[in-house]
């Protein structure tokens, strides 16, 4: 059981990024390793601007990282951030005890 307080702002950032089916599909594709944005566009049958919007949200949350090679961008799943999201979800599912004295002290 975690002994530190949950960073609710970080949890909100991660869960917001995970709350879209397209973003979850992107992360699922990246579980297999680094992918070129062109591969993601084809695999998800998504337009480049739509896909760029979702990749930006995932990148801002730290769930993916990118690198440039020529005119192409390659994306990789950040496994540490995915594990962090899982830990935050687990923390929310773990009952918390109130300090002695109950809720109204």
C-alpha atoms as a PDB file:
ATOM      1  CA  UNK A   1       0.000   0.000   0.000  1.00  0.00           C
ATOM      2  CA  UNK A   2       1.496   3.394  -0.996  1.00  0.00           C
ATOM      3  CA  UNK A   3       2.491   5.635   1.874  1.00  0.00           C
ATOM      4  CA  UNK A   4       2.595   8.861  -0.142  1.00  0.00           C
ATOM      5  CA  UNK A   5      -0.319  11.031  -1.173  1.00  0.00           C
ATOM      6  CA  UNK A   6      -1.646  10.619  -4.683  1.00  0.00           C
ATOM      7  CA  UNK A   7      -0.630  13.407  -7.058  1.00  0.00           C
ATOM      8  CA  UNK A   8      -4.149  14.146  -8.265  1.00  0.00           C
ATOM      9  CA  UNK A   9      -3.021  16.716 -10.831  1.00  0.00           C
ATOM     10  CA  UNK A  10      -0.695  14.155 -12.423  1.00  0.00           C
ATOM     11  CA  UNK A  11      -3.418  11.512 -12.271  1.00  0.00           C
ATOM     12  CA  UNK A  12      -5.828  13.864 -14.052  1.00  0.00           C
ATOM     13  CA  UNK A  13      -3.243  14.606 -16.746  1.00  0.00           C
ATOM     14  CA  UNK A  14      -2.594  10.918 -17.397  1.00  0.00           C
ATOM     15  CA  UNK A  15      -6.232   9.839 -17.240  1.00  0.00           C
ATOM     16  CA  UNK A  16      -7.277  12.684 -19.557  1.00  0.00           C
ATOM     17  CA  UNK A  17      -4.716  11.492 -22.098  1.00  0.00           C
ATOM     18  CA  UNK A  18      -5.956   7.907 -21.696  1.00  0.00           C
ATOM     19  CA  UNK A  19      -9.629   8.821 -22.012  1.00  0.00           C
ATOM     20  CA  UNK A  20      -9.821   8.710 -25.806  1.00  0.00           C
ATOM     21  CA  UNK A  21     -10.213   5.495 -27.840  1.00  0.00           C
ATOM     22  CA  UNK A  22      -7.878   6.740 -30.587  1.00  0.00           C
ATOM     23  CA  UNK A  23      -5.159   7.461 -28.045  1.00  0.00           C
ATOM     24  CA  UNK A  24      -5.590   4.017 -26.534  1.00  0.00           C
ATOM     25  CA  UNK A  25      -5.254   2.495 -30.010  1.00  0.00           C
ATOM     26  CA  UNK A  26      -2.046   4.456 -30.534  1.00  0.00           C
ATOM     27  CA  UNK A  27      -0.627   3.210 -27.237  1.00  0.00           C
ATOM     28  CA  UNK A  28      -1.653  -0.331 -28.090  1.00  0.00           C
ATOM     29  CA  UNK A  29       0.240  -0.090 -31.400  1.00  0.00           C
ATOM     30  CA  UNK A  30       3.298   1.325 -29.650  1.00  0.00           C
ATOM     31  CA  UNK A  31       3.386  -1.631 -27.258  1.00  0.00           C
ATOM     32  CA  UNK A  32       5.023  -3.477 -30.146  1.00  0.00           C
ATOM     33  CA  UNK A  33       7.888  -0.970 -30.338  1.00  0.00           C
ATOM     34  CA  UNK A  34       8.731   2.278 -32.054  1.00  0.00           C
ATOM     35  CA  UNK A  35       6.483   3.258 -34.968  1.00  0.00           C
ATOM     36  CA  UNK A  36       6.752   5.856 -37.690  1.00  0.00           C
ATOM     37  CA  UNK A  37       3.866   8.295 -37.776  1.00  0.00           C
ATOM     38  CA  UNK A  38       3.124   7.078 -41.314  1.00  0.00           C
ATOM     39  CA  UNK A  39       2.675   3.512 -39.984  1.00  0.00           C
ATOM     40  CA  UNK A  40       0.299   4.765 -37.298  1.00  0.00           C
ATOM     41  CA  UNK A  41      -1.676   6.759 -39.857  1.00  0.00           C
ATOM     42  CA  UNK A  42      -2.152   3.664 -42.006  1.00  0.00           C
ATOM     43  CA  UNK A  43      -2.825   1.252 -39.142  1.00  0.00           C
ATOM     44  CA  UNK A  44      -5.402   3.488 -37.494  1.00  0.00           C
ATOM     45  CA  UNK A  45      -6.923   4.772 -40.736  1.00  0.00           C
ATOM     46  CA  UNK A  46      -6.620   8.296 -39.359  1.00  0.00           C
ATOM     47  CA  UNK A  47      -5.768  11.544 -41.052  1.00  0.00           C
ATOM     48  CA  UNK A  48      -2.398  13.065 -40.218  1.00  0.00           C
ATOM     49  CA  UNK A  49      -3.848  16.161 -38.525  1.00  0.00           C
ATOM     50  CA  UNK A  50      -6.161  14.072 -36.327  1.00  0.00           C
ATOM     51  CA  UNK A  51      -3.353  11.702 -35.440  1.00  0.00           C
ATOM     52  CA  UNK A  52      -0.979  14.600 -34.703  1.00  0.00           C
ATOM     53  CA  UNK A  53      -3.533  16.053 -32.281  1.00  0.00           C
ATOM     54  CA  UNK A  54      -3.730  12.773 -30.361  1.00  0.00           C
ATOM     55  CA  UNK A  55       0.023  12.189 -30.402  1.00  0.00           C
ATOM     56  CA  UNK A  56       0.560  15.687 -29.018  1.00  0.00           C
ATOM     57  CA  UNK A  57      -1.796  14.947 -26.102  1.00  0.00           C
ATOM     58  CA  UNK A  58       0.013  11.687 -25.364  1.00  0.00           C
ATOM     59  CA  UNK A  59       3.398  13.383 -25.600  1.00  0.00           C
ATOM     60  CA  UNK A  60       2.363  16.233 -23.280  1.00  0.00           C
ATOM     61  CA  UNK A  61       1.248  13.637 -20.713  1.00  0.00           C
ATOM     62  CA  UNK A  62       4.618  11.916 -21.075  1.00  0.00           C
ATOM     63  CA  UNK A  63       3.060   8.685 -22.320  1.00  0.00           C
ATOM     64  CA  UNK A  64       5.010   8.743 -25.593  1.00  0.00           C
ATOM     65  CA  UNK A  65       8.265  10.211 -26.791  1.00  0.00           C
ATOM     66  CA  UNK A  66       9.288  11.038 -30.326  1.00  0.00           C
ATOM     67  CA  UNK A  67      12.365  11.436 -32.429  1.00  0.00           C
ATOM     68  CA  UNK A  68      12.832  12.914 -35.872  1.00  0.00           C
ATOM     69  CA  UNK A  69      14.606  11.240 -38.735  1.00  0.00           C
ATOM     70  CA  UNK A  70      14.489  13.310 -41.870  1.00  0.00           C
ATOM     71  CA  UNK A  71      10.905  14.291 -42.509  1.00  0.00           C
ATOM     72  CA  UNK A  72       9.438  11.476 -40.406  1.00  0.00           C
ATOM     73  CA  UNK A  73       8.651  11.316 -36.715  1.00  0.00           C
ATOM     74  CA  UNK A  74       8.954   8.060 -34.805  1.00  0.00           C
ATOM     75  CA  UNK A  75       7.026   7.456 -31.597  1.00  0.00           C
ATOM     76  CA  UNK A  76       7.779   5.198 -28.655  1.00  0.00           C
ATOM     77  CA  UNK A  77       5.673   4.236 -25.658  1.00  0.00           C
ATOM     78  CA  UNK A  78       7.041   5.524 -22.362  1.00  0.00           C
ATOM     79  CA  UNK A  79       6.635   2.374 -20.263  1.00  0.00           C
ATOM     80  CA  UNK A  80       7.446   4.263 -17.041  1.00  0.00           C
ATOM     81  CA  UNK A  81       4.546   6.675 -17.570  1.00  0.00           C
ATOM     82  CA  UNK A  82       2.205   3.787 -18.424  1.00  0.00           C
ATOM     83  CA  UNK A  83       3.263   2.057 -15.201  1.00  0.00           C
ATOM     84  CA  UNK A  84       2.733   5.321 -13.326  1.00  0.00           C
ATOM     85  CA  UNK A  85      -0.845   5.505 -14.643  1.00  0.00           C
ATOM     86  CA  UNK A  86      -1.455   1.916 -13.528  1.00  0.00           C
ATOM     87  CA  UNK A  87      -0.059   2.679 -10.069  1.00  0.00           C
ATOM     88  CA  UNK A  88      -2.237   5.780  -9.755  1.00  0.00           C
ATOM     89  CA  UNK A  89      -5.328   3.789 -10.731  1.00  0.00           C
ATOM     90  CA  UNK A  90      -4.411   1.103  -8.211  1.00  0.00           C
ATOM     91  CA  UNK A  91      -3.895   3.736  -5.510  1.00  0.00           C
ATOM     92  CA  UNK A  92      -7.382   5.078  -6.113  1.00  0.00           C
ATOM     93  CA  UNK A  93      -8.789   1.561  -5.751  1.00  0.00           C
ATOM     94  CA  UNK A  94      -6.992   0.992  -2.444  1.00  0.00           C
ATOM     95  CA  UNK A  95      -9.052   1.940   0.632  1.00  0.00           C
ATOM     96  CA  UNK A  96      -7.577   4.748   2.673  1.00  0.00           C
ATOM     97  CA  UNK A  97      -7.921   4.909   6.421  1.00  0.00           C
ATOM     98  CA  UNK A  98      -8.806   8.145   8.101  1.00  0.00           C
ATOM     99  CA  UNK A  99      -6.619   9.481  10.900  1.00  0.00           C
ATOM    100  CA  UNK A 100      -7.707   8.674  14.437  1.00  0.00           C
ATOM    101  CA  UNK A 101     -10.807  10.573  15.380  1.00  0.00           C
ATOM    102  CA  UNK A 102     -12.816   9.800  12.241  1.00  0.00           C
ATOM    103  CA  UNK A 103     -14.018  12.396   9.827  1.00  0.00           C
ATOM    104  CA  UNK A 104     -15.164  15.061  12.279  1.00  0.00           C
ATOM    105  CA  UNK A 105     -12.420  14.694  14.831  1.00  0.00           C
END
